[in-house]
Amino acid sequence: MPRHRKPTAAERRNKEKMEPHRTLPSSTATPSLTTPDYLFRSIDEVAKRLKPEAPVQCVFPEAVRTQAKRFIELFPGTVLYAVKCNPGADILRHMYAAGIRHFDVASLDEARLVRGLFKDAKLHFMHPVKSREAIRRAYRMGIRDFSLDSAAELMKLMEETKSARDLRLFIRLAVAGNAAAYDLSGKFGAAPSVAADLLRHARKVAAKVGICFHVGSQCMDPVAYTAAIGRALDVATKAKVKIDILDIGGGFPATYPNLIPPPLEAFIDAIKGAAQPLIDQGAELWCEPGRAMVAAGAAMLVRVTLRKGRRLYINDGTYGSLFDAGALGWRFPVRLVRPQKGGKGNTYKDAGARPPSEKFVPFMFYGPTCDNLDKMKGPFLLPEDTQEGDWIEIGMLGAYGSTMQTRFNGFHSEVVATVWPEAAPFAFERPRRKSVMTPGQPEPATQQVSAMRRAVTPLTMPKATEQPQQLSLIADEPQGSQQSLNAPGHSQGPPLSAK
């Protein structure tokens, strides 16, 4: 039998050059903390240059950074980003660039993801129910903050950390969620009497103790925080325990059609007033925003595959990025994307080379899978002549959008495009060099997707005539009377799509 010799270093390098790169998820794509590899100035440019057949997550760095800075500036304490809301590495990097250093993680994978990106990040494991392995490994990673809502969980924490004396334990308190669009009170949280007992036990074994709660996702009333903080004060008083930290959780709202919340400042003022007694006693104040931080930070660019009357079949749905639209019946702002005719980037040809109709009508969306549950009732206001081949921008999907994707029926997309018109002009420059076109090689203006699934394209400035339509925020109003997504007083960041 011939003996196989070990390849030399030079042979290994040559083999690596010849082998195709493995496809990696977009969450591992960009090594830079601040500037992604490829930029677009608008979503219309993404559609025009890439002509994507799969859904594209369009990230708006300026919106993410602005909202993160607002929370840091306004909140009188420590801001933890809730990673579960959008764990994309692009989003996390922009958070970090804006000054976020604390991250609320709900699993080992989230903890590993953040730690792999930022060695100096502070991780807080605020899921009230964890496996023994998760506790053990998290502690080895240096995580010391854990939440719990039962005596059994407290026992697990002590056993798996070998009764460590450097733990910071948070008692998850049950609070009312009737002011939230999505009530989270049924699954986690200890009743006040139980919470008081847990607080006394935790005080004996932990370096620091705190109380945490969650008023529900998309909380629409600042008074909900006032009531929850009052309940936490009552529990601490009953337990006769001085708490070191009050974590008010998340729940801060974003702006959606028919869900227009008070401004962020109103929530902060209510929280400050209610928590002042604890602050005066030396307690720290924490919060865990997710939705309000990143909802405006991304949109999905989807394509119409078929029209049946007022029903549009699109390439994304309930099993993809539109879970909230399907399962919860939420409505999202939408805008038809049919870039202007002209040059190699002409995308009107699939729509008869006509500009969109000025008349808007309501549509229902159906997703790409075979399941009858894969539908989004809306209604979604779009031009009357919306048809197969058109693209649609669905806004406010930076939160619980792409992170909810499954692979059901084989439908899945990890393509990401960064839309950053506010970036410095030099960021859009590309080195000019002559290249020899080989047979089968796509022209530079056609779609390319890198080995890391990031959308790649040479960039040119849009023509002056290319004016994208505004996203329809209030789905029941005609286009001419729509409110801006960034109307004064709302808790949103910069515009969703580049104009």
Protein backbone atom coordinates (compact mmCIF):
# COMPACT_ATOMS: atom_id res chain seq x y z
CA MET A 1 0.00 0.00 0.00
CA PRO A 2 1.42 3.43 -0.89
CA ARG A 3 2.21 5.60 2.07
CA HIS A 4 0.61 9.07 2.16
CA ARG A 5 3.05 11.83 2.92
CA LYS A 6 2.09 14.90 4.91
CA PRO A 7 1.52 17.94 2.62
CA THR A 8 4.00 20.78 2.92
CA ALA A 9 3.02 24.25 4.13
CA ALA A 10 3.23 25.60 0.58
CA GLU A 11 0.92 22.84 -0.70
CA ARG A 12 -1.59 23.55 2.05
CA ARG A 13 -1.62 27.25 1.16
CA ASN A 14 -2.16 26.47 -2.51
CA LYS A 15 -5.00 24.09 -1.65
CA GLU A 16 -6.69 26.76 0.49
CA LYS A 17 -6.55 29.16 -2.45
CA MET A 18 -8.18 26.62 -4.75
CA GLU A 19 -10.96 25.52 -2.38
CA PRO A 20 -14.18 27.57 -2.29
CA HIS A 21 -14.91 29.44 0.91
CA ARG A 22 -17.52 28.01 3.21
CA THR A 23 -20.78 29.89 3.51
CA LEU A 24 -20.97 31.56 6.90
CA PRO A 25 -23.96 33.31 8.51
CA SER A 26 -24.08 37.09 8.31
CA SER A 27 -23.56 37.34 12.06
CA THR A 28 -19.88 36.49 11.51
CA ALA A 29 -19.42 38.61 8.44
CA THR A 30 -17.73 41.90 9.17
CA PRO A 31 -14.50 42.09 11.16
CA SER A 32 -14.60 45.89 11.46
CA LEU A 33 -16.27 47.41 14.50
CA THR A 34 -17.41 50.56 12.76
CA THR A 35 -17.47 50.35 8.98
CA PRO A 36 -18.91 47.35 7.08
CA ASP A 37 -17.30 46.09 3.92
CA TYR A 38 -20.01 47.21 1.49
CA LEU A 39 -22.42 50.11 1.75
CA PHE A 40 -25.53 51.28 -0.03
CA ARG A 41 -27.05 54.73 0.07
CA SER A 42 -30.67 53.56 -0.11
CA ILE A 43 -32.85 50.47 -0.15
CA ASP A 44 -33.81 51.35 -3.72
CA GLU A 45 -30.15 50.99 -4.62
CA VAL A 46 -30.06 47.55 -2.98
CA ALA A 47 -32.97 46.45 -5.16
CA LYS A 48 -31.61 48.09 -8.30
CA ARG A 49 -28.07 46.72 -8.06
CA LEU A 50 -28.65 43.31 -6.52
CA LYS A 51 -32.09 42.40 -7.88
CA PRO A 52 -32.39 40.00 -4.93
CA GLU A 53 -34.62 36.94 -5.23
CA ALA A 54 -34.30 36.18 -1.48
CA PRO A 55 -35.27 38.49 1.38
CA VAL A 56 -32.55 40.98 2.34
CA GLN A 57 -32.11 42.42 5.80
CA CYS A 58 -31.22 46.08 5.33
CA VAL A 59 -29.40 47.47 8.37
CA PHE A 60 -29.41 51.20 9.17
CA PRO A 61 -26.35 51.84 11.36
CA GLU A 62 -27.20 55.47 12.07
CA ALA A 63 -30.60 54.53 13.53
CA VAL A 64 -29.04 51.88 15.80
CA ARG A 65 -26.27 54.16 17.04
CA THR A 66 -28.52 57.16 17.59
CA GLN A 67 -31.04 55.22 19.67
CA ALA A 68 -28.32 53.54 21.73
CA LYS A 69 -26.79 56.94 22.49
CA ARG A 70 -30.22 58.29 23.47
CA PHE A 71 -30.69 55.56 26.05
CA ILE A 72 -27.19 56.06 27.45
CA GLU A 73 -27.80 59.80 27.68
CA LEU A 74 -31.33 59.72 29.13
CA PHE A 75 -31.39 56.68 31.42
CA PRO A 76 -30.07 57.38 34.96
CA GLY A 77 -28.17 54.13 35.29
CA THR A 78 -26.70 51.21 33.35
CA VAL A 79 -28.13 50.25 29.96
CA LEU A 80 -28.02 46.53 29.02
CA TYR A 81 -28.88 45.65 25.43
CA ALA A 82 -31.26 42.65 25.25
CA VAL A 83 -29.38 40.49 22.74
CA LYS A 84 -32.36 38.22 21.99
CA CYS A 85 -34.09 41.10 20.22
CA ASN A 86 -31.52 41.09 17.41
CA PRO A 87 -28.27 39.14 17.89
CA GLY A 88 -26.83 40.06 14.49
CA ALA A 89 -23.15 40.89 14.72
CA ASP A 90 -23.69 44.01 12.58
CA ILE A 91 -26.22 45.31 15.12
CA LEU A 92 -24.01 44.38 18.08
CA ARG A 93 -21.01 46.15 16.60
CA HIS A 94 -22.95 49.35 16.09
CA MET A 95 -24.23 49.11 19.66
CA TYR A 96 -20.68 48.77 20.89
CA ALA A 97 -19.51 51.67 18.73
CA ALA A 98 -22.26 53.83 20.30
CA GLY A 99 -21.00 53.06 23.81
CA ILE A 100 -23.00 50.00 24.94
CA ARG A 101 -20.82 47.74 27.08
CA HIS A 102 -23.43 45.71 28.99
CA PHE A 103 -25.43 42.91 27.35
CA ASP A 104 -28.41 40.92 28.65
CA VAL A 105 -27.98 37.35 27.40
CA ALA A 106 -30.54 34.57 27.64
CA SER A 107 -28.43 31.58 26.56
CA LEU A 108 -24.89 30.30 26.33
CA ASP A 109 -24.85 30.90 22.57
CA GLU A 110 -25.73 34.57 23.06
CA ALA A 111 -23.04 34.86 25.70
CA ARG A 112 -20.45 33.26 23.42
CA LEU A 113 -21.47 35.46 20.52
CA VAL A 114 -21.00 38.69 22.47
CA ARG A 115 -17.83 37.53 24.18
CA GLY A 116 -16.38 36.52 20.81
CA LEU A 117 -16.96 40.04 19.49
CA PHE A 118 -16.03 42.12 22.53
CA LYS A 119 -13.63 40.79 25.14
CA ASP A 120 -14.42 43.64 27.55
CA ALA A 121 -18.22 43.28 27.34
CA LYS A 122 -20.12 42.83 30.61
CA LEU A 123 -22.54 39.90 30.33
CA HIS A 124 -25.64 39.45 32.48
CA PHE A 125 -27.56 36.13 32.38
CA MET A 126 -31.07 37.45 33.09
CA HIS A 127 -33.11 34.43 31.99
CA PRO A 128 -34.93 33.18 35.14
CA VAL A 129 -34.72 29.49 34.17
CA LYS A 130 -31.40 28.01 33.07
CA SER A 131 -30.01 24.53 32.62
CA ARG A 132 -27.35 23.35 35.02
CA GLU A 133 -24.83 23.21 32.21
CA ALA A 134 -25.64 26.79 31.20
CA ILE A 135 -25.10 27.99 34.78
CA ARG A 136 -21.84 26.09 35.13
CA ARG A 137 -20.37 27.23 31.82
CA ALA A 138 -21.57 30.80 32.21
CA TYR A 139 -19.85 31.05 35.56
CA ARG A 140 -16.63 29.75 34.02
CA MET A 141 -16.95 32.46 31.37
CA GLY A 142 -16.90 35.08 34.10
CA ILE A 143 -20.63 35.78 34.28
CA ARG A 144 -21.73 36.61 37.83
CA ASP A 145 -25.20 38.13 37.35
CA PHE A 146 -28.12 35.68 37.31
CA SER A 147 -31.87 36.09 37.73
CA LEU A 148 -34.27 33.59 39.30
CA ASP A 149 -37.88 33.30 40.39
CA SER A 150 -37.94 30.09 42.44
CA ALA A 151 -36.18 28.33 45.30
CA ALA A 152 -35.29 25.46 42.96
CA GLU A 153 -33.42 27.83 40.62
CA LEU A 154 -31.57 29.36 43.56
CA MET A 155 -30.50 25.88 44.64
CA LYS A 156 -29.25 25.09 41.12
CA LEU A 157 -27.24 28.29 41.05
CA MET A 158 -25.56 27.51 44.36
CA GLU A 159 -24.81 23.89 43.45
CA GLU A 160 -23.41 24.57 39.99
CA THR A 161 -21.22 27.48 41.13
CA LYS A 162 -20.12 25.53 44.24
CA SER A 163 -21.69 28.15 46.52
CA ALA A 164 -19.59 30.93 45.04
CA ARG A 165 -19.55 34.09 47.14
CA ASP A 166 -19.17 36.52 44.25
CA LEU A 167 -22.63 36.04 42.72
CA ARG A 168 -25.04 38.90 42.06
CA LEU A 169 -28.54 37.44 42.21
CA PHE A 170 -31.73 39.09 40.96
CA ILE A 171 -35.20 38.03 42.05
CA ARG A 172 -37.60 38.18 39.10
CA LEU A 173 -40.81 39.75 40.37
CA ALA A 174 -44.17 39.13 38.73
CA VAL A 175 -45.83 42.38 37.63
CA ALA A 176 -48.91 43.25 35.61
CA GLY A 177 -48.50 43.35 31.83
CA ASN A 178 -51.84 44.82 30.86
CA ALA A 179 -50.24 48.01 29.48
CA ALA A 180 -48.17 46.04 26.97
CA ALA A 181 -49.04 44.96 23.46
CA TYR A 182 -47.48 41.58 24.31
CA ASP A 183 -48.01 40.44 27.90
CA LEU A 184 -45.08 38.45 29.34
CA SER A 185 -46.41 38.05 32.88
CA GLY A 186 -47.66 34.46 32.54
CA LYS A 187 -44.37 32.61 32.21
CA PHE A 188 -41.89 34.15 34.65
CA GLY A 189 -41.96 36.04 37.93
CA ALA A 190 -42.48 35.30 41.62
CA ALA A 191 -45.45 36.57 43.58
CA PRO A 192 -44.57 39.30 46.10
CA SER A 193 -44.60 36.98 49.14
CA VAL A 194 -42.42 34.40 47.38
CA ALA A 195 -40.12 37.12 46.05
CA ALA A 196 -39.60 38.46 49.58
CA ASP A 197 -38.55 34.99 50.83
CA LEU A 198 -36.18 34.53 47.89
CA LEU A 199 -34.68 37.95 48.50
CA ARG A 200 -33.91 37.07 52.13
CA HIS A 201 -32.26 33.78 51.10
CA ALA A 202 -30.28 35.43 48.31
CA ARG A 203 -29.01 38.09 50.71
CA LYS A 204 -27.36 35.35 52.79
CA VAL A 205 -25.42 33.77 49.92
CA ALA A 206 -24.80 36.48 47.29
CA ALA A 207 -22.34 39.34 47.12
CA LYS A 208 -25.11 41.61 45.82
CA VAL A 209 -28.86 41.21 45.43
CA GLY A 210 -31.40 42.91 43.24
CA ILE A 211 -34.96 42.83 42.03
CA CYS A 212 -35.85 42.65 38.34
CA PHE A 213 -39.11 42.58 36.41
CA HIS A 214 -40.56 42.96 32.91
CA VAL A 215 -43.68 45.03 32.26
CA GLY A 216 -44.27 43.33 28.89
CA SER A 217 -43.10 43.91 25.34
CA GLN A 218 -44.14 47.17 23.66
CA CYS A 219 -45.40 48.81 26.86
CA MET A 220 -47.55 51.78 25.93
CA ASP A 221 -48.00 53.46 29.32
CA PRO A 222 -45.21 54.89 31.53
CA VAL A 223 -47.43 54.32 34.57
CA ALA A 224 -46.76 50.58 34.20
CA TYR A 225 -43.15 51.16 35.27
CA THR A 226 -44.27 53.32 38.19
CA ALA A 227 -46.56 50.53 39.45
CA ALA A 228 -43.91 47.81 38.98
CA ILE A 229 -41.23 49.82 40.80
CA GLY A 230 -43.70 50.43 43.62
CA ARG A 231 -44.27 46.70 43.91
CA ALA A 232 -40.50 46.10 44.02
CA LEU A 233 -40.18 48.65 46.83
CA ASP A 234 -42.93 46.87 48.77
CA VAL A 235 -41.15 43.51 48.39
CA ALA A 236 -37.83 44.92 49.60
CA THR A 237 -39.57 46.55 52.57
CA LYS A 238 -41.41 43.34 53.48
CA ALA A 239 -38.21 41.30 53.20
CA LYS A 240 -36.29 43.91 55.27
CA VAL A 241 -33.49 43.66 52.73
CA LYS A 242 -31.59 46.58 51.26
CA ILE A 243 -31.27 45.84 47.56
CA ASP A 244 -28.13 46.79 45.66
CA ILE A 245 -29.64 46.92 42.15
CA LEU A 246 -33.09 47.49 40.66
CA ASP A 247 -33.32 46.16 37.11
CA ILE A 248 -36.51 47.47 35.46
CA GLY A 249 -36.07 45.19 32.44
CA GLY A 250 -37.22 46.06 28.94
CA GLY A 251 -40.59 46.79 27.42
CA PHE A 252 -39.72 50.21 26.02
CA PRO A 253 -41.87 50.70 22.91
CA ALA A 254 -41.16 51.46 19.27
CA THR A 255 -43.51 53.17 16.81
CA TYR A 256 -45.65 50.98 14.55
CA PRO A 257 -48.86 51.62 12.59
CA ASN A 258 -51.64 52.08 15.14
CA LEU A 259 -49.14 51.76 18.01
CA ILE A 260 -47.89 55.29 18.65
CA PRO A 261 -46.38 55.42 22.15
CA PRO A 262 -45.47 58.42 24.32
CA PRO A 263 -41.93 59.72 23.83
CA LEU A 264 -39.02 57.95 25.51
CA GLU A 265 -38.55 60.92 27.82
CA ALA A 266 -41.98 60.27 29.38
CA PHE A 267 -40.95 56.73 30.35
CA ILE A 268 -37.60 57.88 31.73
CA ASP A 269 -39.22 60.59 33.85
CA ALA A 270 -41.73 58.11 35.31
CA ILE A 271 -38.93 55.64 36.12
CA LYS A 272 -36.76 58.30 37.74
CA GLY A 273 -39.57 59.52 39.95
CA ALA A 274 -40.64 56.06 41.12
CA ALA A 275 -37.11 54.75 41.70
CA GLN A 276 -35.79 57.80 43.54
CA PRO A 277 -36.25 56.30 47.04
CA LEU A 278 -34.05 53.33 46.08
CA ILE A 279 -31.51 55.56 44.35
CA ASP A 280 -31.31 57.68 47.52
CA GLN A 281 -30.47 54.50 49.44
CA GLY A 282 -27.55 53.83 47.10
CA ALA A 283 -29.14 51.27 44.77
CA GLU A 284 -28.05 51.08 41.14
CA LEU A 285 -30.65 51.35 38.38
CA TRP A 286 -30.48 49.07 35.32
CA CYS A 287 -32.62 48.64 32.22
CA GLU A 288 -32.68 46.08 29.38
CA PRO A 289 -34.07 47.76 26.24
CA GLY A 290 -34.32 45.73 23.06
CA ARG A 291 -37.20 46.63 20.75
CA ALA A 292 -36.93 50.39 21.27
CA MET A 293 -33.18 50.22 20.63
CA VAL A 294 -33.19 48.44 17.29
CA ALA A 295 -36.68 48.30 15.74
CA ALA A 296 -35.87 51.25 13.47
CA GLY A 297 -32.42 49.82 12.82
CA ALA A 298 -33.38 47.41 10.04
CA ALA A 299 -35.98 46.64 7.39
CA MET A 300 -36.63 43.62 5.22
CA LEU A 301 -36.60 43.93 1.44
CA VAL A 302 -38.96 41.25 0.11
CA ARG A 303 -40.21 40.44 -3.39
CA VAL A 304 -43.68 39.77 -4.73
CA THR A 305 -43.84 36.33 -6.37
CA LEU A 306 -47.56 36.34 -7.22
CA ARG A 307 -50.65 38.53 -6.92
CA LYS A 308 -54.21 37.24 -6.49
CA GLY A 309 -56.52 40.21 -6.23
CA ARG A 310 -55.64 41.96 -2.98
CA ARG A 311 -53.44 39.07 -1.82
CA LEU A 312 -49.70 39.36 -2.38
CA TYR A 313 -47.51 36.25 -2.15
CA ILE A 314 -44.05 37.31 -1.00
CA ASN A 315 -40.77 35.52 -0.28
CA ASP A 316 -40.84 36.12 3.48
CA GLY A 317 -43.46 35.31 6.08
CA THR A 318 -44.51 34.04 9.49
CA TYR A 319 -41.78 31.37 9.50
CA GLY A 320 -39.25 34.01 8.46
CA SER A 321 -38.88 37.62 9.56
CA LEU A 322 -42.60 38.39 9.82
CA PHE A 323 -43.56 36.32 12.85
CA ASP A 324 -45.07 39.30 14.67
CA ALA A 325 -47.09 40.26 11.60
CA GLY A 326 -48.50 36.75 11.26
CA ALA A 327 -48.75 35.23 14.73
CA LEU A 328 -49.56 38.47 16.58
CA GLY A 329 -51.31 40.35 13.79
CA TRP A 330 -49.03 43.38 14.09
CA ARG A 331 -48.90 45.83 11.23
CA PHE A 332 -45.64 47.21 9.90
CA PRO A 333 -44.92 50.23 7.69
CA VAL A 334 -44.47 49.25 4.04
CA ARG A 335 -43.24 50.92 0.87
CA LEU A 336 -43.17 49.73 -2.73
CA VAL A 337 -39.64 49.59 -4.13
CA ARG A 338 -39.60 49.90 -7.90
CA PRO A 339 -36.41 51.82 -8.72
CA GLN A 340 -36.38 54.29 -11.58
CA LYS A 341 -35.89 53.10 -15.12
CA GLY A 342 -32.50 53.59 -16.68
CA GLY A 343 -29.27 51.82 -17.48
CA LYS A 344 -28.31 48.31 -16.51
CA GLY A 345 -30.08 48.73 -13.18
CA ASN A 346 -33.55 49.01 -14.77
CA THR A 347 -36.00 47.19 -12.50
CA TYR A 348 -39.17 48.46 -14.12
CA LYS A 349 -39.09 45.77 -16.79
CA ASP A 350 -40.86 43.25 -14.54
CA ALA A 351 -43.61 45.80 -13.88
CA GLY A 352 -44.18 46.92 -17.45
CA ALA A 353 -41.73 49.84 -17.19
CA ARG A 354 -44.38 51.94 -15.45
CA PRO A 355 -44.00 54.17 -12.38
CA PRO A 356 -46.10 53.03 -9.40
CA SER A 357 -49.72 54.08 -9.17
CA GLU A 358 -50.52 57.05 -6.96
CA LYS A 359 -53.61 55.27 -5.63
CA PHE A 360 -53.04 53.15 -2.53
CA VAL A 361 -55.12 50.11 -1.58
CA PRO A 362 -54.93 47.57 1.29
CA PHE A 363 -53.27 44.19 0.73
CA MET A 364 -52.85 40.97 2.69
CA PHE A 365 -49.50 39.13 2.57
CA TYR A 366 -48.94 35.39 2.20
CA GLY A 367 -45.52 33.87 2.93
CA PRO A 368 -43.58 31.36 0.82
CA THR A 369 -44.23 28.15 2.80
CA CYS A 370 -46.99 25.59 2.30
CA ASP A 371 -48.55 26.26 5.70
CA ASN A 372 -51.89 28.06 5.78
CA LEU A 373 -50.72 29.87 8.94
CA ASP A 374 -48.10 31.64 6.85
CA LYS A 375 -50.16 34.77 6.24
CA MET A 376 -50.09 38.36 7.45
CA LYS A 377 -53.52 40.01 7.47
CA GLY A 378 -52.27 43.59 7.69
CA PRO A 379 -53.81 45.47 5.99
CA PHE A 380 -50.75 46.87 4.21
CA LEU A 381 -51.26 49.97 2.05
CA LEU A 382 -49.42 49.80 -1.27
CA PRO A 383 -49.88 51.23 -4.78
CA GLU A 384 -52.85 49.73 -6.58
CA ASP A 385 -50.69 48.30 -9.37
CA THR A 386 -48.31 46.36 -7.10
CA GLN A 387 -47.53 43.12 -8.89
CA GLU A 388 -45.17 40.20 -9.40
CA GLY A 389 -41.54 41.29 -9.56
CA ASP A 390 -41.97 44.33 -7.32
CA TRP A 391 -39.99 44.66 -4.12
CA ILE A 392 -41.48 45.84 -0.84
CA GLU A 393 -39.63 47.45 2.04
CA ILE A 394 -41.14 46.32 5.33
CA GLY A 395 -39.91 48.64 8.05
CA MET A 396 -39.36 48.46 11.80
CA LEU A 397 -38.00 44.92 11.62
CA GLY A 398 -34.74 45.51 13.43
CA ALA A 399 -36.45 43.94 16.45
CA TYR A 400 -37.67 40.33 16.38
CA GLY A 401 -37.37 40.21 12.60
CA SER A 402 -34.58 38.15 11.05
CA THR A 403 -33.78 36.65 14.46
CA MET A 404 -37.13 34.78 14.32
CA GLN A 405 -36.33 32.99 11.05
CA THR A 406 -36.70 29.23 10.73
CA ARG A 407 -35.73 26.92 7.87
CA PHE A 408 -39.22 25.51 7.40
CA ASN A 409 -39.83 24.29 3.81
CA GLY A 410 -36.23 25.27 3.02
CA PHE A 411 -36.93 29.00 3.01
CA HIS A 412 -34.21 30.99 4.76
CA SER A 413 -32.05 33.99 3.96
CA GLU A 414 -28.98 35.42 5.65
CA VAL A 415 -28.21 38.16 3.14
CA VAL A 416 -27.50 41.52 4.78
CA ALA A 417 -27.09 44.92 3.14
CA THR A 418 -25.90 47.97 5.06
CA VAL A 419 -27.73 51.17 4.13
CA TRP A 420 -25.70 54.06 5.49
CA PRO A 421 -26.16 57.33 3.58
CA GLU A 422 -24.71 59.23 6.55
CA ALA A 423 -21.34 57.47 6.18
CA ALA A 424 -18.35 59.54 5.08
CA PRO A 425 -18.12 59.86 1.27
CA PHE A 426 -14.81 57.99 1.10
CA ALA A 427 -16.53 54.91 2.55
CA PHE A 428 -18.33 54.49 -0.78
CA GLU A 429 -15.22 54.73 -2.91
CA ARG A 430 -13.95 51.64 -4.68
CA PRO A 431 -10.46 51.17 -6.10
CA ARG A 432 -10.46 51.45 -9.88
CA ARG A 433 -8.60 48.65 -11.52
CA LYS A 434 -8.92 46.86 -14.78
CA SER A 435 -9.99 43.27 -14.61
CA VAL A 436 -10.16 40.52 -17.20
CA MET A 437 -13.68 39.10 -17.50
CA THR A 438 -13.76 35.34 -17.63
CA PRO A 439 -16.60 33.30 -19.19
CA GLY A 440 -19.52 33.04 -16.79
CA GLN A 441 -18.27 35.86 -14.56
CA PRO A 442 -21.09 38.34 -13.73
CA GLU A 443 -20.77 41.95 -14.72
CA PRO A 444 -19.74 44.28 -11.88
CA ALA A 445 -23.23 45.83 -11.72
CA THR A 446 -24.99 42.49 -11.24
CA GLN A 447 -25.64 40.70 -8.00
CA GLN A 448 -22.78 39.17 -6.11
CA VAL A 449 -22.87 37.63 -2.67
CA SER A 450 -19.67 37.17 -0.76
CA ALA A 451 -18.66 33.92 0.91
CA MET A 452 -19.92 35.44 4.15
CA ARG A 453 -23.37 36.13 2.68
CA ARG A 454 -22.92 39.90 2.69
CA ALA A 455 -24.41 41.70 -0.28
CA VAL A 456 -21.62 42.99 -2.51
CA THR A 457 -21.92 45.59 -5.23
CA PRO A 458 -20.04 48.54 -6.72
CA LEU A 459 -21.75 51.72 -5.59
CA THR A 460 -22.82 54.73 -7.61
CA MET A 461 -24.82 57.71 -6.47
CA PRO A 462 -28.54 57.45 -7.25
CA LYS A 463 -29.80 59.80 -9.91
CA ALA A 464 -31.49 62.97 -8.74
CA THR A 465 -34.80 61.64 -10.04
CA GLU A 466 -34.72 58.58 -7.80
CA GLN A 467 -36.93 59.61 -4.89
CA PRO A 468 -38.16 56.61 -2.88
CA GLN A 469 -41.67 56.85 -1.49
CA GLN A 470 -42.20 57.25 2.22
CA LEU A 471 -43.00 54.16 4.23
CA SER A 472 -46.67 53.99 5.09
CA LEU A 473 -46.76 54.30 8.88
CA ILE A 474 -50.49 54.67 9.44
CA ALA A 475 -51.90 51.88 7.32
CA ASP A 476 -55.43 53.30 7.26
CA GLU A 477 -54.41 56.73 5.96
CA PRO A 478 -53.80 57.67 2.33
CA GLN A 479 -50.24 58.28 1.27
CA GLY A 480 -50.55 62.03 1.31
CA SER A 481 -51.45 62.18 5.00
CA GLN A 482 -48.89 59.75 6.41
CA GLN A 483 -46.93 60.70 9.50
CA SER A 484 -43.16 60.53 9.44
CA LEU A 485 -41.62 57.52 11.17
CA ASN A 486 -39.59 60.05 13.11
CA ALA A 487 -42.34 62.44 14.08
CA PRO A 488 -41.36 64.78 16.95
CA GLY A 489 -41.94 63.23 20.34
CA HIS A 490 -41.71 59.61 19.24
CA SER A 491 -39.09 57.30 20.63
CA GLN A 492 -37.56 56.44 17.28
CA GLY A 493 -34.15 57.13 15.80
CA PRO A 494 -33.25 58.36 12.29
CA PRO A 495 -35.28 57.48 9.18
CA LEU A 496 -35.70 53.81 8.37
CA SER A 497 -34.73 53.95 4.74
CA ALA A 498 -32.23 56.24 3.13
CA LYS A 499 -33.87 59.02 1.21
